[in-house]
Protein backbone atom coordinates (compact mmCIF):
# COMPACT_ATOMS: atom_id res chain seq x y z
CA MET A 1 233.38 232.23 121.67
CA ASN A 2 229.95 231.78 123.26
CA THR A 3 228.80 228.16 122.58
CA VAL A 4 225.37 228.82 124.00
CA ARG A 5 224.87 231.80 121.64
CA ASP A 6 225.88 229.63 118.65
CA ASN A 7 223.59 226.80 119.75
CA LEU A 8 220.74 229.36 120.17
CA LEU A 9 221.23 230.78 116.76
CA GLN A 10 221.13 227.24 115.26
CA ILE A 11 217.87 226.55 117.09
CA GLN A 12 216.36 229.75 116.01
CA GLU A 13 217.29 229.10 112.33
CA GLU A 14 215.84 225.57 112.55
CA ILE A 15 212.51 226.73 113.85
CA ALA A 16 212.06 229.90 111.74
CA PRO A 17 209.71 231.57 111.02
CA TYR A 18 208.32 230.52 114.44
CA THR A 19 209.44 232.69 117.39
CA PRO A 20 208.44 230.80 120.61
CA ASN A 21 209.83 231.79 124.01
CA ILE A 22 213.01 229.64 124.51
CA ILE A 23 213.39 228.66 128.12
CA ALA A 24 217.02 227.59 128.97
CA VAL A 25 216.68 224.57 131.17
CA THR A 26 219.45 225.04 133.63
CA LYS A 27 218.48 222.39 136.13
CA TYR A 28 221.63 220.25 135.67
CA PHE A 29 223.95 223.28 135.83
CA ASP A 30 225.23 225.85 138.29
CA GLU A 31 224.55 229.63 138.12
CA SER A 32 227.49 230.20 135.82
CA LYS A 33 225.48 228.51 133.00
CA ILE A 34 222.55 230.88 133.59
CA VAL A 35 225.07 233.79 133.26
CA ASP A 36 226.31 232.28 129.89
CA ALA A 37 222.73 231.87 128.63
CA TYR A 38 221.88 235.46 129.78
CA ASP A 39 224.92 236.80 127.86
CA ALA A 40 223.69 234.94 124.82
CA GLY A 41 220.43 236.86 125.00
CA LEU A 42 218.18 234.46 126.93
CA ARG A 43 215.97 235.81 129.68
CA ASP A 44 213.93 232.69 130.66
CA PHE A 45 215.37 229.89 132.79
CA GLY A 46 213.86 226.61 133.79
CA GLU A 47 214.51 224.77 137.03
CA ALA A 48 213.29 221.53 138.42
CA ARG A 49 213.99 221.50 142.26
CA VAL A 50 212.53 224.29 144.30
CA LEU A 51 215.17 224.67 146.95
CA ASP A 52 218.15 224.19 144.73
CA ALA A 53 216.77 226.74 142.24
CA ILE A 54 216.17 229.38 144.91
CA GLU A 55 219.73 228.93 146.21
CA LYS A 56 221.09 229.29 142.66
CA ILE A 57 218.90 232.30 141.80
CA GLN A 58 220.09 234.04 144.96
CA LYS A 59 223.72 233.74 143.79
CA LEU A 60 223.14 235.55 140.43
CA PRO A 61 224.08 239.15 139.69
CA LYS A 62 221.33 241.58 140.52
CA GLU A 63 220.91 242.61 136.83
CA ILE A 64 220.17 239.08 135.77
CA LYS A 65 217.67 238.43 138.63
CA LYS A 66 216.00 241.74 137.82
CA ASN A 67 215.68 241.14 134.05
CA SER A 68 215.07 237.41 133.92
CA LYS A 69 211.96 235.17 134.34
CA PHE A 70 212.23 231.88 136.30
CA HIS A 71 210.18 228.88 135.44
CA LEU A 72 209.58 225.80 137.74
CA ILE A 73 209.32 222.91 135.26
CA GLY A 74 209.84 219.97 137.55
CA HIS A 75 207.31 218.19 139.67
CA LEU A 76 206.07 220.30 142.54
CA GLN A 77 205.31 218.47 145.81
CA THR A 78 202.52 219.98 147.76
CA ASN A 79 204.81 220.57 150.75
CA LYS A 80 207.08 222.64 148.66
CA ALA A 81 204.34 224.80 147.12
CA ARG A 82 204.76 227.61 149.58
CA LYS A 83 208.58 227.86 148.86
CA ALA A 84 207.85 227.94 145.09
CA VAL A 85 205.17 230.70 145.07
CA GLY A 86 206.69 234.03 144.39
CA ASN A 87 210.19 232.65 143.75
CA PHE A 88 209.16 231.56 140.19
CA ASP A 89 207.42 233.74 137.64
CA TYR A 90 205.77 230.65 136.17
CA ILE A 91 204.95 227.18 137.67
CA HIS A 92 204.50 224.80 134.69
CA SER A 93 203.86 221.60 136.60
CA ILE A 94 200.47 222.08 138.30
CA ASP A 95 199.14 218.48 138.06
CA SER A 96 196.04 218.39 140.25
CA LEU A 97 193.19 220.47 141.63
CA LYS A 98 194.70 219.89 145.11
CA LEU A 99 198.06 221.31 144.12
CA ALA A 100 196.37 224.35 142.40
CA ASN A 101 194.39 225.10 145.53
CA THR A 102 197.57 224.94 147.73
CA VAL A 103 199.48 227.28 145.37
CA SER A 104 196.56 229.65 145.27
CA GLU A 105 196.34 229.74 149.06
CA ALA A 106 200.02 230.41 149.37
CA ALA A 107 199.90 233.09 146.82
CA LEU A 108 196.97 234.83 148.52
CA GLU A 109 199.00 234.73 151.80
CA ALA A 110 201.79 236.31 149.99
CA GLY A 111 199.63 238.94 148.39
CA ILE A 112 200.44 237.94 144.79
CA ARG A 113 198.75 236.12 141.92
CA GLN A 114 200.90 233.17 140.71
CA LYS A 115 201.06 232.41 136.97
CA ILE A 116 200.62 228.64 136.49
CA LEU A 117 200.41 226.16 133.63
CA LEU A 118 198.49 222.86 133.97
CA GLN A 119 200.46 219.75 133.09
CA ILE A 120 198.71 217.24 130.76
CA ASN A 121 199.70 213.59 130.60
CA ASN A 122 197.85 212.95 127.34
CA ALA A 123 200.20 210.02 126.61
CA ASN A 124 198.86 208.29 129.81
CA GLU A 125 202.25 207.38 131.04
CA GLU A 126 201.91 205.76 134.49
CA GLN A 127 205.37 207.20 135.66
CA LYS A 128 204.50 210.73 134.68
CA PHE A 129 202.49 213.33 136.53
CA GLY A 130 199.76 215.35 134.99
CA PHE A 131 196.03 215.64 134.43
CA SER A 132 194.32 213.28 131.99
CA LYS A 133 192.18 215.18 129.54
CA GLY A 134 189.03 214.02 131.33
CA GLU A 135 190.34 215.09 134.75
CA LEU A 136 191.19 218.48 133.49
CA LEU A 137 187.84 218.99 131.77
CA ASN A 138 186.25 218.04 135.13
CA ASP A 139 188.44 220.26 137.36
CA PHE A 140 189.21 223.20 135.17
CA GLU A 141 186.32 225.41 136.15
CA ALA A 142 187.28 225.07 139.85
CA ILE A 143 190.88 225.89 139.00
CA LEU A 144 189.81 228.98 137.04
CA ALA A 145 187.89 230.18 140.12
CA LEU A 146 190.92 230.06 142.38
CA LYS A 147 191.79 233.71 143.37
CA GLY A 148 195.47 233.26 143.92
CA VAL A 149 196.52 231.81 140.60
CA GLU A 150 196.31 232.94 136.96
CA VAL A 151 196.08 230.00 134.56
CA VAL A 152 198.13 231.01 131.55
CA GLY A 153 198.33 227.78 129.55
CA LEU A 154 199.09 224.10 129.34
CA MET A 155 202.24 222.11 129.66
CA ASN A 156 203.14 218.68 128.20
CA MET A 157 206.09 216.27 128.24
CA ALA A 158 206.25 213.84 125.35
CA PRO A 159 207.39 210.32 126.01
CA PHE A 160 210.98 209.46 124.74
CA GLY A 161 211.35 207.59 121.53
CA LEU A 162 208.09 208.53 119.66
CA ASN A 163 208.27 208.75 115.96
CA LYS A 164 207.62 212.05 114.25
CA GLN A 165 203.88 211.20 113.45
CA ASP A 166 203.14 210.18 117.01
CA LEU A 167 204.86 213.36 118.32
CA ASN A 168 202.72 215.39 115.94
CA ASP A 169 199.54 213.74 117.00
CA LEU A 170 200.47 214.19 120.78
CA PHE A 171 201.27 217.87 120.47
CA LYS A 172 198.30 218.58 118.23
CA ASP A 173 196.20 216.93 120.86
CA ILE A 174 197.34 219.50 123.44
CA VAL A 175 196.50 222.37 121.08
CA ASP A 176 193.06 220.93 120.50
CA LEU A 177 192.51 220.61 124.20
CA LYS A 178 193.60 224.15 124.74
CA ASN A 179 191.09 225.41 122.08
CA GLU A 180 188.34 223.20 123.65
CA LEU A 181 188.97 224.70 127.07
CA GLU A 182 188.94 228.31 125.73
CA ARG A 183 185.60 227.60 124.02
CA LYS A 184 183.90 225.78 126.85
CA PHE A 185 185.03 228.06 129.67
CA ASP A 186 185.33 231.44 127.77
CA CYS A 187 188.92 232.00 128.82
CA GLU A 188 192.21 232.70 127.16
CA LEU A 189 195.26 230.34 127.51
CA LYS A 190 198.13 232.16 125.93
CA GLU A 191 200.84 229.59 126.54
CA ILE A 192 201.56 226.06 125.45
CA SER A 193 204.77 224.74 126.98
CA MET A 194 205.89 221.70 125.13
CA GLY A 195 208.99 220.68 123.27
CA MET A 196 212.46 219.84 124.54
CA SER A 197 215.86 219.20 123.10
CA GLY A 198 214.67 216.01 121.18
CA ASP A 199 211.41 217.28 119.87
CA TYR A 200 211.23 221.01 119.74
CA LYS A 201 210.89 221.21 115.93
CA GLU A 202 207.68 219.15 116.04
CA ALA A 203 206.38 221.00 119.06
CA VAL A 204 206.77 224.49 117.53
CA VAL A 205 205.13 223.51 114.32
CA ALA A 206 202.14 222.03 116.36
CA GLY A 207 201.69 225.38 118.24
CA ALA A 208 204.19 225.52 121.25
CA THR A 209 204.73 229.10 122.59
CA MET A 210 207.32 228.00 125.12
CA LEU A 211 210.14 225.47 124.41
CA ARG A 212 212.12 223.99 127.33
CA ILE A 213 215.63 223.28 125.97
CA GLY A 214 218.69 222.28 128.03
CA ARG A 215 221.04 219.75 126.40
CA LYS A 216 220.79 221.24 122.97
CA LEU A 217 221.63 224.73 124.30
CA PHE A 218 224.55 223.78 126.46
CA SER A 219 226.16 221.06 124.46
CA THR A 220 229.81 221.85 123.29
């Protein structure tokens, strides 16, 4: 019996007809859980700590490393940026122009273009990282101009304990911001990374294209 597969099927049924990319958040587990999730059909894995994740990824079978995409979803310190670049297919947690610039420089040195998402703190939580909407509108053109990064979308983490209406408003606000950026700067932002184990249903209805799910996938 594959518990992850059963949990995945339940999630997919709950969010039908939407088909977002489900990222298995494996940051609290060892590489065996990545193998379980891969066997269940998942190909995207989310990690929070750069060095721990790299060590874990290196232990995976070659087939899984070759056929999977790895996402850095935790806060990225500037001094870890060079380690993250190239070891993750997507970095979701770019929260400042300074960090975007550091990642771009590291990517250029490595001869690659790093896919990034910009983290938005539209709930204005003091303890969370991310651009305010005003900061992002001010810095977005400069980030787009960086040669070493490809801005593929926006990322959001909703506060815990919000009621359904407040969640809906928060997630809709991210989608509205994405649309505003596309209009103002003539660009395409394909991805909206929002929604976790407690709020993925609201997120996908609002327009999430990536869900970051851990507890709900791996619970027994």
